[in-house]
PDB file of N, CA and C in Angstrom:
ATOM      1  N   MET A   1     123.182 116.884 100.976  1.00  0.00           N
ATOM      2  CA  MET A   1     121.930 116.392 101.524  1.00  0.00           C
ATOM      3  C   MET A   1     120.854 116.496 100.449  1.00  0.00           C
ATOM      4  N   SER A   2     120.019 115.504 100.397  1.00  0.00           N
ATOM      5  CA  SER A   2     118.946 115.466  99.403  1.00  0.00           C
ATOM      6  C   SER A   2     117.817 116.417  99.766  1.00  0.00           C
ATOM      7  N   THR A   3     117.103 116.846  98.739  1.00  0.00           N
ATOM      8  CA  THR A   3     115.891 117.633  98.977  1.00  0.00           C
ATOM      9  C   THR A   3     114.794 116.689  99.451  1.00  0.00           C
ATOM     10  N   TYR A   4     113.702 117.245  99.942  1.00  0.00           N
ATOM     11  CA  TYR A   4     112.577 116.408 100.365  1.00  0.00           C
ATOM     12  C   TYR A   4     112.042 115.589  99.198  1.00  0.00           C
ATOM     13  N   ILE A   5     111.986 116.182  98.030  1.00  0.00           N
ATOM     14  CA  ILE A   5     111.486 115.465  96.852  1.00  0.00           C
ATOM     15  C   ILE A   5     112.410 114.295  96.526  1.00  0.00           C
ATOM     16  N   GLU A   6     113.716 114.528  96.543  1.00  0.00           N
ATOM     17  CA  GLU A   6     114.672 113.453  96.271  1.00  0.00           C
ATOM     18  C   GLU A   6     114.570 112.351  97.325  1.00  0.00           C
ATOM     19  N   SER A   7     114.404 112.748  98.583  1.00  0.00           N
ATOM     20  CA  SER A   7     114.252 111.764  99.656  1.00  0.00           C
ATOM     21  C   SER A   7     112.972 110.964  99.494  1.00  0.00           C
ATOM     22  N   PHE A   8     111.882 111.634  99.127  1.00  0.00           N
ATOM     23  CA  PHE A   8     110.606 110.949  98.898  1.00  0.00           C
ATOM     24  C   PHE A   8     110.759 109.935  97.772  1.00  0.00           C
ATOM     25  N   ASP A   9     111.396 110.356  96.688  1.00  0.00           N
ATOM     26  CA  ASP A   9     111.613 109.451  95.561  1.00  0.00           C
ATOM     27  C   ASP A   9     112.473 108.255  95.970  1.00  0.00           C
ATOM     28  N   LEU A  10     113.467 108.492  96.814  1.00  0.00           N
ATOM     29  CA  LEU A  10     114.333 107.416  97.277  1.00  0.00           C
ATOM     30  C   LEU A  10     113.546 106.402  98.109  1.00  0.00           C
ATOM     31  N   VAL A  11     112.707 106.895  98.997  1.00  0.00           N
ATOM     32  CA  VAL A  11     111.894 106.020  99.847  1.00  0.00           C
ATOM     33  C   VAL A  11     111.001 105.122  99.000  1.00  0.00           C
ATOM     34  N   ASN A  12     110.573 105.608  97.857  1.00  0.00           N
ATOM     35  CA  ASN A  12     109.661 104.861  96.994  1.00  0.00           C
ATOM     36  C   ASN A  12     110.351 104.160  95.822  1.00  0.00           C
ATOM     37  N   ASP A  13     111.679 104.156  95.799  1.00  0.00           N
ATOM     38  CA  ASP A  13     112.442 103.542  94.712  1.00  0.00           C
ATOM     39  C   ASP A  13     112.582 102.034  94.948  1.00  0.00           C
ATOM     40  N   SER A  14     112.109 101.222  94.009  1.00  0.00           N
ATOM     41  CA  SER A  14     112.110  99.764  94.204  1.00  0.00           C
ATOM     42  C   SER A  14     113.523  99.179  94.241  1.00  0.00           C
ATOM     43  N   THR A  15     114.430  99.695  93.445  1.00  0.00           N
ATOM     44  CA  THR A  15     115.802  99.185  93.463  1.00  0.00           C
ATOM     45  C   THR A  15     116.465  99.488  94.796  1.00  0.00           C
ATOM     46  N   PHE A  16     116.263 100.693  95.312  1.00  0.00           N
ATOM     47  CA  PHE A  16     116.814 101.048  96.616  1.00  0.00           C
ATOM     48  C   PHE A  16     116.187 100.166  97.696  1.00  0.00           C
ATOM     49  N   GLY A  17     114.901  99.899  97.567  1.00  0.00           N
ATOM     50  CA  GLY A  17     114.219  99.018  98.517  1.00  0.00           C
ATOM     51  C   GLY A  17     114.835  97.629  98.548  1.00  0.00           C
ATOM     52  N   LYS A  18     115.236  97.125  97.399  1.00  0.00           N
ATOM     53  CA  LYS A  18     115.888  95.813  97.337  1.00  0.00           C
ATOM     54  C   LYS A  18     117.240  95.850  98.044  1.00  0.00           C
ATOM     55  N   ARG A  19     117.950  96.949  97.900  1.00  0.00           N
ATOM     56  CA  ARG A  19     119.235  97.092  98.593  1.00  0.00           C
ATOM     57  C   ARG A  19     119.025  97.106 100.104  1.00  0.00           C
ATOM     58  N   LEU A  20     117.969  97.797 100.547  1.00  0.00           N
ATOM     59  CA  LEU A  20     117.663  97.820 101.977  1.00  0.00           C
ATOM     60  C   LEU A  20     117.287  96.430 102.476  1.00  0.00           C
ATOM     61  N   GLN A  21     116.497  95.708 101.693  1.00  0.00           N
ATOM     62  CA  GLN A  21     116.109  94.353 102.087  1.00  0.00           C
ATOM     63  C   GLN A  21     117.336  93.468 102.240  1.00  0.00           C
ATOM     64  N   MET A  22     118.267  93.570 101.298  1.00  0.00           N
ATOM     65  CA  MET A  22     119.492  92.772 101.382  1.00  0.00           C
ATOM     66  C   MET A  22     120.289  93.158 102.622  1.00  0.00           C
ATOM     67  N   ALA A  23     120.373  94.444 102.911  1.00  0.00           N
ATOM     68  CA  ALA A  23     121.083  94.906 104.105  1.00  0.00           C
ATOM     69  C   ALA A  23     120.427  94.349 105.366  1.00  0.00           C
ATOM     70  N   MET A  24     119.097  94.291 105.393  1.00  0.00           N
ATOM     71  CA  MET A  24     118.392  93.735 106.546  1.00  0.00           C
ATOM     72  C   MET A  24     118.725  92.254 106.696  1.00  0.00           C
ATOM     73  N   TRP A  25     118.726  91.514 105.585  1.00  0.00           N
ATOM     74  CA  TRP A  25     119.058  90.088 105.659  1.00  0.00           C
ATOM     75  C   TRP A  25     120.492  89.871 106.135  1.00  0.00           C
ATOM     76  N   ILE A  26     121.418  90.702 105.667  1.00  0.00           N
ATOM     77  CA  ILE A  26     122.813  90.583 106.100  1.00  0.00           C
ATOM     78  C   ILE A  26     122.921  90.874 107.591  1.00  0.00           C
ATOM     79  N   GLY A  27     122.236  91.915 108.046  1.00  0.00           N
ATOM     80  CA  GLY A  27     122.234  92.239 109.473  1.00  0.00           C
ATOM     81  C   GLY A  27     121.635  91.116 110.308  1.00  0.00           C
ATOM     82  N   ALA A  28     120.546  90.526 109.818  1.00  0.00           N
ATOM     83  CA  ALA A  28     119.896  89.426 110.534  1.00  0.00           C
ATOM     84  C   ALA A  28     120.809  88.201 110.594  1.00  0.00           C
ATOM     85  N   ALA A  29     121.470  87.911 109.498  1.00  0.00           N
ATOM     86  CA  ALA A  29     122.388  86.766 109.475  1.00  0.00           C
ATOM     87  C   ALA A  29     123.537  86.964 110.456  1.00  0.00           C
ATOM     88  N   ALA A  30     124.015  88.189 110.580  1.00  0.00           N
ATOM     89  CA  ALA A  30     125.099  88.483 111.520  1.00  0.00           C
ATOM     90  C   ALA A  30     124.642  88.262 112.960  1.00  0.00           C
ATOM     91  N   ILE A  31     123.400  88.621 113.252  1.00  0.00           N
ATOM     92  CA  ILE A  31     122.855  88.395 114.597  1.00  0.00           C
ATOM     93  C   ILE A  31     122.825  86.899 114.896  1.00  0.00           C
ATOM     94  N   LEU A  32     122.338  86.112 113.945  1.00  0.00           N
ATOM     95  CA  LEU A  32     122.244  84.666 114.158  1.00  0.00           C
ATOM     96  C   LEU A  32     123.615  84.003 114.255  1.00  0.00           C
ATOM     97  N   ALA A  33     124.607  84.563 113.584  1.00  0.00           N
ATOM     98  CA  ALA A  33     125.957  83.998 113.615  1.00  0.00           C
ATOM     99  C   ALA A  33     126.695  84.318 114.912  1.00  0.00           C
ATOM    100  N   ASN A  34     126.202  85.294 115.654  1.00  0.00           N
ATOM    101  CA  ASN A  34     126.846  85.715 116.893  1.00  0.00           C
ATOM    102  C   ASN A  34     126.262  84.929 118.062  1.00  0.00           C
ATOM    103  N   ALA A  35     127.061  84.074 118.663  1.00  0.00           N
ATOM    104  CA  ALA A  35     126.590  83.253 119.781  1.00  0.00           C
ATOM    105  C   ALA A  35     126.152  84.106 120.970  1.00  0.00           C
ATOM    106  N   GLN A  36     126.631  85.327 121.058  1.00  0.00           N
ATOM    107  CA  GLN A  36     126.305  86.206 122.181  1.00  0.00           C
ATOM    108  C   GLN A  36     125.011  86.998 121.982  1.00  0.00           C
ATOM    109  N   SER A  37     124.385  86.868 120.826  1.00  0.00           N
ATOM    110  CA  SER A  37     123.145  87.616 120.559  1.00  0.00           C
ATOM    111  C   SER A  37     122.046  87.153 121.507  1.00  0.00           C
ATOM    112  N   PRO A  38     121.317  88.109 122.109  1.00  0.00           N
ATOM    113  CA  PRO A  38     120.214  87.748 122.998  1.00  0.00           C
ATOM    114  C   PRO A  38     119.107  87.006 122.245  1.00  0.00           C
ATOM    115  N   ALA A  39     118.305  86.252 122.979  1.00  0.00           N
ATOM    116  CA  ALA A  39     117.224  85.465 122.377  1.00  0.00           C
ATOM    117  C   ALA A  39     116.261  86.346 121.591  1.00  0.00           C
ATOM    118  N   GLY A  40     115.923  87.515 122.125  1.00  0.00           N
ATOM    119  CA  GLY A  40     115.005  88.422 121.429  1.00  0.00           C
ATOM    120  C   GLY A  40     115.569  88.897 120.104  1.00  0.00           C
ATOM    121  N   ALA A  41     116.867  89.141 120.082  1.00  0.00           N
ATOM    122  CA  ALA A  41     117.516  89.570 118.841  1.00  0.00           C
ATOM    123  C   ALA A  41     117.489  88.441 117.814  1.00  0.00           C
ATOM    124  N   LYS A  42     117.704  87.218 118.276  1.00  0.00           N
ATOM    125  CA  LYS A  42     117.680  86.077 117.351  1.00  0.00           C
ATOM    126  C   LYS A  42     116.275  85.841 116.804  1.00  0.00           C
ATOM    127  N   THR A  43     115.266  86.047 117.636  1.00  0.00           N
ATOM    128  CA  THR A  43     113.887  85.917 117.160  1.00  0.00           C
ATOM    129  C   THR A  43     113.608  86.962 116.090  1.00  0.00           C
ATOM    130  N   PHE A  44     114.022  88.203 116.339  1.00  0.00           N
ATOM    131  CA  PHE A  44     113.866  89.271 115.354  1.00  0.00           C
ATOM    132  C   PHE A  44     114.559  88.877 114.049  1.00  0.00           C
ATOM    133  N   ALA A  45     115.790  88.388 114.152  1.00  0.00           N
ATOM    134  CA  ALA A  45     116.571  88.022 112.967  1.00  0.00           C
ATOM    135  C   ALA A  45     115.894  86.898 112.185  1.00  0.00           C
ATOM    136  N   ARG A  46     115.422  85.881 112.889  1.00  0.00           N
ATOM    137  CA  ARG A  46     114.744  84.772 112.200  1.00  0.00           C
ATOM    138  C   ARG A  46     113.515  85.274 111.451  1.00  0.00           C
ATOM    139  N   ASN A  47     112.759  86.166 112.078  1.00  0.00           N
ATOM    140  CA  ASN A  47     111.568  86.721 111.423  1.00  0.00           C
ATOM    141  C   ASN A  47     111.933  87.497 110.168  1.00  0.00           C
ATOM    142  N   GLN A  48     113.041  88.220 110.195  1.00  0.00           N
ATOM    143  CA  GLN A  48     113.464  88.984 109.021  1.00  0.00           C
ATOM    144  C   GLN A  48     113.885  88.064 107.886  1.00  0.00           C
ATOM    145  N   LEU A  49     114.456  86.923 108.231  1.00  0.00           N
ATOM    146  CA  LEU A  49     114.935  85.993 107.208  1.00  0.00           C
ATOM    147  C   LEU A  49     113.822  85.138 106.613  1.00  0.00           C
ATOM    148  N   LYS A  50     112.632  85.193 107.198  1.00  0.00           N
ATOM    149  CA  LYS A  50     111.499  84.429 106.666  1.00  0.00           C
ATOM    150  C   LYS A  50     111.007  84.994 105.341  1.00  0.00           C
ATOM    151  N   GLY A  51     111.192  86.278 105.125  1.00  0.00           N
ATOM    152  CA  GLY A  51     110.706  86.881 103.893  1.00  0.00           C
ATOM    153  C   GLY A  51     110.988  88.367 103.883  1.00  0.00           C
ATOM    154  N   PRO A  52     110.445  89.064 102.890  1.00  0.00           N
ATOM    155  CA  PRO A  52     110.657  90.510 102.798  1.00  0.00           C
ATOM    156  C   PRO A  52     110.186  91.231 104.055  1.00  0.00           C
ATOM    157  N   ALA A  53     110.864  92.300 104.367  1.00  0.00           N
ATOM    158  CA  ALA A  53     110.487  93.105 105.532  1.00  0.00           C
ATOM    159  C   ALA A  53     109.061  93.605 105.375  1.00  0.00           C
ATOM    160  N   GLU A  54     108.371  93.689 106.488  1.00  0.00           N
ATOM    161  CA  GLU A  54     107.018  94.224 106.424  1.00  0.00           C
ATOM    162  C   GLU A  54     107.069  95.640 105.855  1.00  0.00           C
ATOM    163  N   THR A  55     105.999  96.049 105.244  1.00  0.00           N
ATOM    164  CA  THR A  55     105.970  97.336 104.552  1.00  0.00           C
ATOM    165  C   THR A  55     106.347  98.489 105.468  1.00  0.00           C
ATOM    166  N   ASP A  56     105.818  98.503 106.690  1.00  0.00           N
ATOM    167  CA  ASP A  56     106.112  99.597 107.612  1.00  0.00           C
ATOM    168  C   ASP A  56     107.597  99.640 107.955  1.00  0.00           C
ATOM    169  N   LEU A  57     108.183  98.499 108.230  1.00  0.00           N
ATOM    170  CA  LEU A  57     109.603  98.462 108.563  1.00  0.00           C
ATOM    171  C   LEU A  57     110.450  98.873 107.367  1.00  0.00           C
ATOM    172  N   ALA A  58     110.097  98.402 106.195  1.00  0.00           N
ATOM    173  CA  ALA A  58     110.844  98.773 104.989  1.00  0.00           C
ATOM    174  C   ALA A  58     110.787 100.279 104.762  1.00  0.00           C
ATOM    175  N   ARG A  59     109.621 100.865 104.951  1.00  0.00           N
ATOM    176  CA  ARG A  59     109.477 102.313 104.784  1.00  0.00           C
ATOM    177  C   ARG A  59     110.297 103.052 105.836  1.00  0.00           C
ATOM    178  N   ARG A  60     110.269 102.576 107.076  1.00  0.00           N
ATOM    179  CA  ARG A  60     111.051 103.215 108.139  1.00  0.00           C
ATOM    180  C   ARG A  60     112.545 103.137 107.840  1.00  0.00           C
ATOM    181  N   LEU A  61     112.996 102.000 107.315  1.00  0.00           N
ATOM    182  CA  LEU A  61     114.406 101.875 106.930  1.00  0.00           C
ATOM    183  C   LEU A  61     114.766 102.872 105.839  1.00  0.00           C
ATOM    184  N   ALA A  62     113.912 102.973 104.847  1.00  0.00           N
ATOM    185  CA  ALA A  62     114.171 103.898 103.738  1.00  0.00           C
ATOM    186  C   ALA A  62     114.194 105.340 104.222  1.00  0.00           C
ATOM    187  N   ILE A  63     113.265 105.685 105.094  1.00  0.00           N
ATOM    188  CA  ILE A  63     113.222 107.051 105.633  1.00  0.00           C
ATOM    189  C   ILE A  63     114.469 107.329 106.463  1.00  0.00           C
ATOM    190  N   ARG A  64     114.879 106.362 107.291  1.00  0.00           N
ATOM    191  CA  ARG A  64     116.083 106.543 108.107  1.00  0.00           C
ATOM    192  C   ARG A  64     117.296 106.747 107.218  1.00  0.00           C
ATOM    193  N   CYS A  65     117.407 105.960 106.164  1.00  0.00           N
ATOM    194  CA  CYS A  65     118.539 106.115 105.242  1.00  0.00           C
ATOM    195  C   CYS A  65     118.532 107.493 104.597  1.00  0.00           C
ATOM    196  N   ALA A  66     117.369 107.917 104.118  1.00  0.00           N
ATOM    197  CA  ALA A  66     117.266 109.234 103.481  1.00  0.00           C
ATOM    198  C   ALA A  66     117.616 110.335 104.474  1.00  0.00           C
ATOM    199  N   ALA A  67     117.136 110.209 105.709  1.00  0.00           N
ATOM    200  CA  ALA A  67     117.409 111.226 106.729  1.00  0.00           C
ATOM    201  C   ALA A  67     118.874 111.221 107.156  1.00  0.00           C
ATOM    202  N   SER A  68     119.544 110.104 106.955  1.00  0.00           N
ATOM    203  CA  SER A  68     120.956 109.987 107.329  1.00  0.00           C
ATOM    204  C   SER A  68     121.900 110.412 106.211  1.00  0.00           C
ATOM    205  N   GLY A  69     121.335 110.901 105.122  1.00  0.00           N
ATOM    206  CA  GLY A  69     122.162 111.358 104.014  1.00  0.00           C
ATOM    207  C   GLY A  69     122.503 110.274 103.011  1.00  0.00           C
ATOM    208  N   VAL A  70     121.954 109.075 103.209  1.00  0.00           N
ATOM    209  CA  VAL A  70     122.172 107.999 102.247  1.00  0.00           C
ATOM    210  C   VAL A  70     121.372 108.321 100.996  1.00  0.00           C
ATOM    211  N   GLU A  71     122.003 108.156  99.856  1.00  0.00           N
ATOM    212  CA  GLU A  71     121.356 108.456  98.583  1.00  0.00           C
ATOM    213  C   GLU A  71     121.429 107.242  97.675  1.00  0.00           C
ATOM    214  N   LYS A  72     120.792 107.331  96.537  1.00  0.00           N
ATOM    215  CA  LYS A  72     120.760 106.222  95.585  1.00  0.00           C
ATOM    216  C   LYS A  72     122.169 105.756  95.225  1.00  0.00           C
ATOM    217  N   ALA A  73     123.104 106.684  95.138  1.00  0.00           N
ATOM    218  CA  ALA A  73     124.475 106.352  94.750  1.00  0.00           C
ATOM    219  C   ALA A  73     125.346 105.920  95.929  1.00  0.00           C
ATOM    220  N   SER A  74     124.786 105.859  97.127  1.00  0.00           N
ATOM    221  CA  SER A  74     125.561 105.456  98.300  1.00  0.00           C
ATOM    222  C   SER A  74     126.043 104.021  98.153  1.00  0.00           C
ATOM    223  N   THR A  75     127.149 103.731  98.802  1.00  0.00           N
ATOM    224  CA  THR A  75     127.694 102.375  98.737  1.00  0.00           C
ATOM    225  C   THR A  75     126.857 101.424  99.584  1.00  0.00           C
ATOM    226  N   ASP A  76     127.002 100.143  99.310  1.00  0.00           N
ATOM    227  CA  ASP A  76     126.322  99.139 100.124  1.00  0.00           C
ATOM    228  C   ASP A  76     126.768  99.245 101.581  1.00  0.00           C
ATOM    229  N   ALA A  77     128.036  99.530 101.803  1.00  0.00           N
ATOM    230  CA  ALA A  77     128.556  99.648 103.169  1.00  0.00           C
ATOM    231  C   ALA A  77     127.896 100.806 103.917  1.00  0.00           C
ATOM    232  N   GLU A  78     127.667 101.919 103.232  1.00  0.00           N
ATOM    233  CA  GLU A  78     126.993 103.061 103.866  1.00  0.00           C
ATOM    234  C   GLU A  78     125.554 102.701 104.228  1.00  0.00           C
ATOM    235  N   ILE A  79     124.887 102.004 103.326  1.00  0.00           N
ATOM    236  CA  ILE A  79     123.515 101.569 103.601  1.00  0.00           C
ATOM    237  C   ILE A  79     123.513 100.574 104.758  1.00  0.00           C
ATOM    238  N   GLN A  80     124.434  99.617 104.735  1.00  0.00           N
ATOM    239  CA  GLN A  80     124.493  98.598 105.784  1.00  0.00           C
ATOM    240  C   GLN A  80     124.704  99.231 107.151  1.00  0.00           C
ATOM    241  N   ALA A  81     125.548 100.256 107.231  1.00  0.00           N
ATOM    242  CA  ALA A  81     125.802 100.922 108.510  1.00  0.00           C
ATOM    243  C   ALA A  81     124.524 101.524 109.082  1.00  0.00           C
ATOM    244  N   VAL A  82     123.727 102.168 108.249  1.00  0.00           N
ATOM    245  CA  VAL A  82     122.471 102.765 108.718  1.00  0.00           C
ATOM    246  C   VAL A  82     121.494 101.671 109.128  1.00  0.00           C
ATOM    247  N   VAL A  83     121.389 100.626 108.328  1.00  0.00           N
ATOM    248  CA  VAL A  83     120.476  99.520 108.647  1.00  0.00           C
ATOM    249  C   VAL A  83     120.910  98.830 109.938  1.00  0.00           C
ATOM    250  N   ASN A  84     122.205  98.603 110.116  1.00  0.00           N
ATOM    251  CA  ASN A  84     122.687  97.970 111.344  1.00  0.00           C
ATOM    252  C   ASN A  84     122.355  98.805 112.575  1.00  0.00           C
ATOM    253  N   THR A  85     122.469 100.114 112.459  1.00  0.00           N
ATOM    254  CA  THR A  85     122.109 100.996 113.569  1.00  0.00           C
ATOM    255  C   THR A  85     120.632 100.856 113.902  1.00  0.00           C
ATOM    256  N   MET A  86     119.799 100.810 112.879  1.00  0.00           N
ATOM    257  CA  MET A  86     118.363 100.686 113.123  1.00  0.00           C
ATOM    258  C   MET A  86     118.023  99.311 113.691  1.00  0.00           C
ATOM    259  N   ILE A  87     118.681  98.265 113.220  1.00  0.00           N
ATOM    260  CA  ILE A  87     118.458  96.929 113.784  1.00  0.00           C
ATOM    261  C   ILE A  87     118.789  96.939 115.275  1.00  0.00           C
ATOM    262  N   ALA A  88     119.916  97.539 115.632  1.00  0.00           N
ATOM    263  CA  ALA A  88     120.315  97.603 117.044  1.00  0.00           C
ATOM    264  C   ALA A  88     119.253  98.305 117.882  1.00  0.00           C
ATOM    265  N   GLU A  89     118.661  99.354 117.339  1.00  0.00           N
ATOM    266  CA  GLU A  89     117.600 100.061 118.059  1.00  0.00           C
ATOM    267  C   GLU A  89     116.344  99.200 118.180  1.00  0.00           C
ATOM    268  N   LEU A  90     116.027  98.442 117.133  1.00  0.00           N
ATOM    269  CA  LEU A  90     114.819  97.617 117.134  1.00  0.00           C
ATOM    270  C   LEU A  90     114.908  96.444 118.101  1.00  0.00           C
ATOM    271  N   ILE A  91     116.105  95.919 118.313  1.00  0.00           N
ATOM    272  CA  ILE A  91     116.231  94.757 119.186  1.00  0.00           C
ATOM    273  C   ILE A  91     116.629  95.132 120.611  1.00  0.00           C
ATOM    274  N   ALA A  92     116.859  96.398 120.856  1.00  0.00           N
ATOM    275  CA  ALA A  92     117.265  96.845 122.202  1.00  0.00           C
ATOM    276  C   ALA A  92     116.126  96.700 123.190  1.00  0.00           C
TER     277      ALA A  92
END
């Protein structure tokens, strides 16, 4: 588990932020590809695909990843799993 300082640095790391943004876009695309996705979920997904995540959401994603033990060296799949969980919570 990372220290608070390491987690803070991760939340503010631009390269990690780009990885989170890509994970959000992948999650949004999966929602749109699923015919069973509710209308609200599809609206959320379309908004995410319009551009970069809003600053607050991006920060919340980074904090969630850091709190979940995701680190700079984590795999894309590990990051995607945390982001997908947060997307599910946001569209519930």
